[in-house]
PDB file of N, CA and C in Angstrom:
ATOM      1  N   UNK A   1     110.028  82.761  82.067  1.00  0.00           N
ATOM      2  CA  UNK A   1     109.338  82.875  83.647  1.00  0.00           C
ATOM      3  C   UNK A   1     110.454  84.091  84.051  1.00  0.00           C
ATOM      4  N   UNK A   2     109.606  84.201  84.998  1.00  0.00           N
ATOM      5  CA  UNK A   2     109.553  86.185  85.776  1.00  0.00           C
ATOM      6  C   UNK A   2     110.093  85.662  87.170  1.00  0.00           C
ATOM      7  N   UNK A   3     110.827  86.044  87.682  1.00  0.00           N
ATOM      8  CA  UNK A   3     111.671  85.991  89.151  1.00  0.00           C
ATOM      9  C   UNK A   3     111.032  87.020  89.767  1.00  0.00           C
ATOM     10  N   UNK A   4     110.172  86.852  90.767  1.00  0.00           N
ATOM     11  CA  UNK A   4     108.952  87.562  91.731  1.00  0.00           C
ATOM     12  C   UNK A   4     109.581  87.763  92.821  1.00  0.00           C
ATOM     13  N   UNK A   5     109.771  88.894  93.849  1.00  0.00           N
ATOM     14  CA  UNK A   5     110.071  89.214  95.177  1.00  0.00           C
ATOM     15  C   UNK A   5     109.127  89.375  95.740  1.00  0.00           C
ATOM     16  N   UNK A   6     108.707  88.611  96.758  1.00  0.00           N
ATOM     17  CA  UNK A   6     107.666  89.133  98.070  1.00  0.00           C
ATOM     18  C   UNK A   6     108.948  90.102  98.662  1.00  0.00           C
ATOM     19  N   UNK A   7     107.905  91.109  99.147  1.00  0.00           N
ATOM     20  CA  UNK A   7     108.428  92.255 100.069  1.00  0.00           C
ATOM     21  C   UNK A   7     107.048  92.477 101.093  1.00  0.00           C
ATOM     22  N   UNK A   8     107.708  92.562 102.260  1.00  0.00           N
ATOM     23  CA  UNK A   8     106.822  93.725 102.964  1.00  0.00           C
ATOM     24  C   UNK A   8     107.652  93.735 104.140  1.00  0.00           C
ATOM     25  N   UNK A   9     106.921  95.438 104.051  1.00  0.00           N
ATOM     26  CA  UNK A   9     108.023  96.396 105.087  1.00  0.00           C
ATOM     27  C   UNK A   9     109.243  96.169 104.717  1.00  0.00           C
ATOM     28  N   UNK A  10     109.916  96.279 103.688  1.00  0.00           N
ATOM     29  CA  UNK A  10     111.128  96.647 103.580  1.00  0.00           C
ATOM     30  C   UNK A  10     111.782  95.554 103.650  1.00  0.00           C
ATOM     31  N   UNK A  11     110.836  94.041 103.753  1.00  0.00           N
ATOM     32  CA  UNK A  11     112.119  93.118 104.123  1.00  0.00           C
ATOM     33  C   UNK A  11     111.413  91.805 103.392  1.00  0.00           C
ATOM     34  N   UNK A  12     112.611  91.169 102.124  1.00  0.00           N
ATOM     35  CA  UNK A  12     111.732  90.189 101.380  1.00  0.00           C
ATOM     36  C   UNK A  12     112.295  89.066 102.312  1.00  0.00           C
ATOM     37  N   UNK A  13     110.659  88.562 101.889  1.00  0.00           N
ATOM     38  CA  UNK A  13     110.876  87.497 102.218  1.00  0.00           C
ATOM     39  C   UNK A  13     110.779  86.049 101.444  1.00  0.00           C
ATOM     40  N   UNK A  14     110.391  86.052  99.769  1.00  0.00           N
ATOM     41  CA  UNK A  14     110.836  85.033  99.190  1.00  0.00           C
ATOM     42  C   UNK A  14     111.247  85.718  98.150  1.00  0.00           C
ATOM     43  N   UNK A  15     111.892  84.388  97.587  1.00  0.00           N
ATOM     44  CA  UNK A  15     111.881  84.648  95.646  1.00  0.00           C
ATOM     45  C   UNK A  15     111.018  83.495  95.080  1.00  0.00           C
ATOM     46  N   UNK A  16     109.912  83.311  93.888  1.00  0.00           N
ATOM     47  CA  UNK A  16     110.364  82.529  93.412  1.00  0.00           C
ATOM     48  C   UNK A  16     110.322  83.151  91.634  1.00  0.00           C
ATOM     49  N   UNK A  17     110.328  81.648  90.699  1.00  0.00           N
ATOM     50  CA  UNK A  17     110.422  82.142  89.351  1.00  0.00           C
ATOM     51  C   UNK A  17     109.357  81.060  88.992  1.00  0.00           C
ATOM     52  N   UNK A  18     108.263  82.389  88.374  1.00  0.00           N
ATOM     53  CA  UNK A  18     107.029  81.859  87.649  1.00  0.00           C
ATOM     54  C   UNK A  18     106.606  82.080  87.029  1.00  0.00           C
ATOM     55  N   UNK A  19     105.798  81.354  86.155  1.00  0.00           N
ATOM     56  CA  UNK A  19     104.950  81.644  84.723  1.00  0.00           C
ATOM     57  C   UNK A  19     104.294  82.893  84.648  1.00  0.00           C
ATOM     58  N   UNK A  20     103.281  83.302  86.130  1.00  0.00           N
ATOM     59  CA  UNK A  20     102.408  83.953  86.139  1.00  0.00           C
ATOM     60  C   UNK A  20     102.303  84.624  86.944  1.00  0.00           C
ATOM     61  N   UNK A  21     102.728  86.079  87.423  1.00  0.00           N
ATOM     62  CA  UNK A  21     102.830  86.823  87.886  1.00  0.00           C
ATOM     63  C   UNK A  21     101.619  87.421  89.276  1.00  0.00           C
ATOM     64  N   UNK A  22     101.255  87.318  90.643  1.00  0.00           N
ATOM     65  CA  UNK A  22     100.333  87.393  90.807  1.00  0.00           C
ATOM     66  C   UNK A  22      99.322  89.140  90.730  1.00  0.00           C
ATOM     67  N   UNK A  23      97.997  89.181  91.114  1.00  0.00           N
ATOM     68  CA  UNK A  23      97.817  90.522  90.830  1.00  0.00           C
ATOM     69  C   UNK A  23      97.437  91.138  91.954  1.00  0.00           C
ATOM     70  N   UNK A  24      97.320  92.553  91.710  1.00  0.00           N
ATOM     71  CA  UNK A  24      96.635  92.841  93.335  1.00  0.00           C
ATOM     72  C   UNK A  24      95.312  92.771  93.840  1.00  0.00           C
ATOM     73  N   UNK A  25      95.469  92.602  94.756  1.00  0.00           N
ATOM     74  CA  UNK A  25      94.194  92.060  95.513  1.00  0.00           C
ATOM     75  C   UNK A  25      94.081  90.486  95.723  1.00  0.00           C
ATOM     76  N   UNK A  26      94.971  89.927  95.354  1.00  0.00           N
ATOM     77  CA  UNK A  26      94.933  88.419  95.187  1.00  0.00           C
ATOM     78  C   UNK A  26      95.097  87.919  96.707  1.00  0.00           C
ATOM     79  N   UNK A  27      95.099  86.706  97.258  1.00  0.00           N
ATOM     80  CA  UNK A  27      95.439  86.154  98.243  1.00  0.00           C
ATOM     81  C   UNK A  27      96.722  85.583  98.429  1.00  0.00           C
ATOM     82  N   UNK A  28      97.377  85.380  99.395  1.00  0.00           N
ATOM     83  CA  UNK A  28      98.092  84.449  99.168  1.00  0.00           C
ATOM     84  C   UNK A  28      98.736  83.963  99.948  1.00  0.00           C
ATOM     85  N   UNK A  29      99.583  82.702  99.983  1.00  0.00           N
ATOM     86  CA  UNK A  29      99.683  82.027 101.791  1.00  0.00           C
ATOM     87  C   UNK A  29     101.525  81.513 101.319  1.00  0.00           C
ATOM     88  N   UNK A  30     102.767  82.580 102.211  1.00  0.00           N
ATOM     89  CA  UNK A  30     103.642  82.797 102.471  1.00  0.00           C
ATOM     90  C   UNK A  30     104.618  82.466 103.725  1.00  0.00           C
ATOM     91  N   UNK A  31     105.453  80.997 104.238  1.00  0.00           N
ATOM     92  CA  UNK A  31     105.940  80.917 105.283  1.00  0.00           C
ATOM     93  C   UNK A  31     104.162  80.104 106.048  1.00  0.00           C
ATOM     94  N   UNK A  32     103.218  79.571 105.745  1.00  0.00           N
ATOM     95  CA  UNK A  32     102.811  79.413 106.393  1.00  0.00           C
ATOM     96  C   UNK A  32     101.697  80.402 107.303  1.00  0.00           C
ATOM     97  N   UNK A  33     102.177  81.980 106.791  1.00  0.00           N
ATOM     98  CA  UNK A  33     101.170  82.875 106.396  1.00  0.00           C
ATOM     99  C   UNK A  33      99.658  83.549 105.703  1.00  0.00           C
ATOM    100  N   UNK A  34      99.001  83.457 105.863  1.00  0.00           N
ATOM    101  CA  UNK A  34      98.013  84.168 105.008  1.00  0.00           C
ATOM    102  C   UNK A  34      98.353  85.813 104.373  1.00  0.00           C
ATOM    103  N   UNK A  35      98.048  85.697 103.122  1.00  0.00           N
ATOM    104  CA  UNK A  35      98.082  87.710 103.024  1.00  0.00           C
ATOM    105  C   UNK A  35      97.889  87.960 101.536  1.00  0.00           C
ATOM    106  N   UNK A  36      98.072  89.284 101.416  1.00  0.00           N
ATOM    107  CA  UNK A  36      97.236  89.819 100.142  1.00  0.00           C
ATOM    108  C   UNK A  36      98.110  91.228  99.685  1.00  0.00           C
ATOM    109  N   UNK A  37      97.824  90.771  98.549  1.00  0.00           N
ATOM    110  CA  UNK A  37      98.834  91.695  97.330  1.00  0.00           C
ATOM    111  C   UNK A  37      98.103  92.899  97.680  1.00  0.00           C
ATOM    112  N   UNK A  38      99.516  93.687  98.034  1.00  0.00           N
ATOM    113  CA  UNK A  38      99.353  94.892  97.793  1.00  0.00           C
ATOM    114  C   UNK A  38      99.268  95.905  96.671  1.00  0.00           C
ATOM    115  N   UNK A  39     100.576  95.923  96.366  1.00  0.00           N
ATOM    116  CA  UNK A  39     101.347  96.646  94.483  1.00  0.00           C
ATOM    117  C   UNK A  39     101.834  95.732  93.990  1.00  0.00           C
ATOM    118  N   UNK A  40     102.171  95.551  92.407  1.00  0.00           N
ATOM    119  CA  UNK A  40     102.920  94.840  92.000  1.00  0.00           C
ATOM    120  C   UNK A  40     103.891  96.063  91.109  1.00  0.00           C
ATOM    121  N   UNK A  41     105.113  95.748  91.499  1.00  0.00           N
ATOM    122  CA  UNK A  41     105.951  97.035  90.533  1.00  0.00           C
ATOM    123  C   UNK A  41     106.968  96.028  89.391  1.00  0.00           C
ATOM    124  N   UNK A  42     107.049  96.186  87.873  1.00  0.00           N
ATOM    125  CA  UNK A  42     107.889  95.259  87.371  1.00  0.00           C
ATOM    126  C   UNK A  42     109.189  96.113  87.618  1.00  0.00           C
ATOM    127  N   UNK A  43     110.065  94.949  87.384  1.00  0.00           N
ATOM    128  CA  UNK A  43     111.339  96.316  87.870  1.00  0.00           C
ATOM    129  C   UNK A  43     112.504  96.113  86.041  1.00  0.00           C
ATOM    130  N   UNK A  44     111.861  95.016  85.514  1.00  0.00           N
ATOM    131  CA  UNK A  44     112.731  94.818  84.600  1.00  0.00           C
ATOM    132  C   UNK A  44     111.959  93.673  83.536  1.00  0.00           C
ATOM    133  N   UNK A  45     111.979  93.476  82.351  1.00  0.00           N
ATOM    134  CA  UNK A  45     111.555  92.487  81.674  1.00  0.00           C
ATOM    135  C   UNK A  45     111.844  90.768  82.486  1.00  0.00           C
ATOM    136  N   UNK A  46     112.278  90.498  83.362  1.00  0.00           N
ATOM    137  CA  UNK A  46     112.843  89.588  84.403  1.00  0.00           C
ATOM    138  C   UNK A  46     112.086  89.017  85.689  1.00  0.00           C
ATOM    139  N   UNK A  47     112.717  90.532  86.489  1.00  0.00           N
ATOM    140  CA  UNK A  47     112.099  90.878  87.721  1.00  0.00           C
ATOM    141  C   UNK A  47     110.643  91.430  87.378  1.00  0.00           C
ATOM    142  N   UNK A  48     110.278  90.949  89.124  1.00  0.00           N
ATOM    143  CA  UNK A  48     108.756  91.305  89.369  1.00  0.00           C
ATOM    144  C   UNK A  48     108.932  91.867  91.018  1.00  0.00           C
ATOM    145  N   UNK A  49     108.493  92.928  91.458  1.00  0.00           N
ATOM    146  CA  UNK A  49     108.593  93.050  92.907  1.00  0.00           C
ATOM    147  C   UNK A  49     106.960  93.356  93.441  1.00  0.00           C
ATOM    148  N   UNK A  50     106.830  92.283  94.220  1.00  0.00           N
ATOM    149  CA  UNK A  50     105.261  92.416  94.923  1.00  0.00           C
ATOM    150  C   UNK A  50     105.073  92.701  96.178  1.00  0.00           C
ATOM    151  N   UNK A  51     104.903  93.926  96.936  1.00  0.00           N
ATOM    152  CA  UNK A  51     104.499  94.309  98.042  1.00  0.00           C
ATOM    153  C   UNK A  51     103.228  92.985  98.550  1.00  0.00           C
ATOM    154  N   UNK A  52     103.512  92.702  99.841  1.00  0.00           N
ATOM    155  CA  UNK A  52     102.027  92.315 100.204  1.00  0.00           C
ATOM    156  C   UNK A  52     102.237  92.405 101.836  1.00  0.00           C
ATOM    157  N   UNK A  53     101.091  92.275 102.362  1.00  0.00           N
ATOM    158  CA  UNK A  53     100.626  92.385 103.826  1.00  0.00           C
ATOM    159  C   UNK A  53     100.386  91.165 104.268  1.00  0.00           C
ATOM    160  N   UNK A  54     101.149  90.900 105.073  1.00  0.00           N
ATOM    161  CA  UNK A  54     100.779  89.597 105.938  1.00  0.00           C
ATOM    162  C   UNK A  54     100.239  89.474 107.302  1.00  0.00           C
ATOM    163  N   UNK A  55      98.781  88.510 107.091  1.00  0.00           N
ATOM    164  CA  UNK A  55      98.178  88.866 108.775  1.00  0.00           C
ATOM    165  C   UNK A  55      99.176  89.023 109.736  1.00  0.00           C
ATOM    166  N   UNK A  56      98.944  89.447 111.200  1.00  0.00           N
ATOM    167  CA  UNK A  56      99.382  89.515 112.473  1.00  0.00           C
ATOM    168  C   UNK A  56      99.220  88.141 113.315  1.00  0.00           C
ATOM    169  N   UNK A  57     100.121  87.709 113.416  1.00  0.00           N
ATOM    170  CA  UNK A  57     100.300  86.549 114.635  1.00  0.00           C
ATOM    171  C   UNK A  57      99.946  87.441 115.767  1.00  0.00           C
ATOM    172  N   UNK A  58      99.070  86.605 116.301  1.00  0.00           N
ATOM    173  CA  UNK A  58      98.417  86.780 118.024  1.00  0.00           C
ATOM    174  C   UNK A  58      99.352  85.904 119.183  1.00  0.00           C
ATOM    175  N   UNK A  59     100.156  86.376 119.783  1.00  0.00           N
ATOM    176  CA  UNK A  59     100.811  85.769 120.541  1.00  0.00           C
ATOM    177  C   UNK A  59      99.828  85.556 121.895  1.00  0.00           C
ATOM    178  N   UNK A  60      99.746  84.557 122.421  1.00  0.00           N
ATOM    179  CA  UNK A  60      98.559  84.324 124.102  1.00  0.00           C
ATOM    180  C   UNK A  60     100.067  83.967 124.817  1.00  0.00           C
ATOM    181  N   UNK A  61      99.650  84.803 125.600  1.00  0.00           N
ATOM    182  CA  UNK A  61     100.192  84.633 126.836  1.00  0.00           C
ATOM    183  C   UNK A  61      99.613  83.684 128.083  1.00  0.00           C
ATOM    184  N   UNK A  62     100.555  82.625 128.414  1.00  0.00           N
ATOM    185  CA  UNK A  62     100.433  81.927 129.197  1.00  0.00           C
ATOM    186  C   UNK A  62     100.186  82.084 130.640  1.00  0.00           C
ATOM    187  N   UNK A  63      99.292  81.412 131.373  1.00  0.00           N
ATOM    188  CA  UNK A  63      98.818  82.301 132.856  1.00  0.00           C
ATOM    189  C   UNK A  63      99.817  82.222 133.936  1.00  0.00           C
ATOM    190  N   UNK A  64      99.940  83.136 135.013  1.00  0.00           N
ATOM    191  CA  UNK A  64     100.940  83.058 135.485  1.00  0.00           C
ATOM    192  C   UNK A  64     100.690  82.061 136.595  1.00  0.00           C
ATOM    193  N   UNK A  65     102.588  81.762 136.980  1.00  0.00           N
ATOM    194  CA  UNK A  65     102.494  80.419 137.939  1.00  0.00           C
ATOM    195  C   UNK A  65     102.074  80.894 139.025  1.00  0.00           C
ATOM    196  N   UNK A  66     101.612  80.123 139.759  1.00  0.00           N
ATOM    197  CA  UNK A  66     100.894  80.079 141.537  1.00  0.00           C
ATOM    198  C   UNK A  66     102.570  79.935 142.240  1.00  0.00           C
ATOM    199  N   UNK A  67     102.356  81.014 142.945  1.00  0.00           N
ATOM    200  CA  UNK A  67     103.812  81.090 143.372  1.00  0.00           C
ATOM    201  C   UNK A  67     103.327  80.723 145.156  1.00  0.00           C
ATOM    202  N   UNK A  68     102.523  80.170 145.741  1.00  0.00           N
ATOM    203  CA  UNK A  68     102.163  79.705 146.761  1.00  0.00           C
ATOM    204  C   UNK A  68     103.431  78.121 146.747  1.00  0.00           C
ATOM    205  N   UNK A  69     103.891  78.325 148.062  1.00  0.00           N
ATOM    206  CA  UNK A  69     104.460  77.553 148.882  1.00  0.00           C
ATOM    207  C   UNK A  69     103.578  76.013 149.114  1.00  0.00           C
ATOM    208  N   UNK A  70     104.227  74.637 148.194  1.00  0.00           N
ATOM    209  CA  UNK A  70     103.497  73.528 148.324  1.00  0.00           C
ATOM    210  C   UNK A  70     103.467  73.352 149.643  1.00  0.00           C
ATOM    211  N   UNK A  71     102.195  72.864 150.022  1.00  0.00           N
ATOM    212  CA  UNK A  71     102.104  72.273 151.743  1.00  0.00           C
ATOM    213  C   UNK A  71     102.643  70.551 151.547  1.00  0.00           C
ATOM    214  N   UNK A  72     103.493  70.240 153.025  1.00  0.00           N
ATOM    215  CA  UNK A  72     103.539  69.029 152.603  1.00  0.00           C
ATOM    216  C   UNK A  72     103.092  68.128 153.505  1.00  0.00           C
TER     217      UNK A  72
END
């Protein structure tokens, strides 16, 4: 069993204890977001750093509220 550390932009997203380490170019799903593996760096026999790039979440802006006075 190997401890896999998923890292994006120097921020550790997830640690997992796995039997198989993902390879470069694999698609992954972390915290509800899709991503791809950029590189795999073995640290020692039991630890591996996996550098990932997750898809950007697009924020939707709501329409501006109508500022007209209501008629009575």
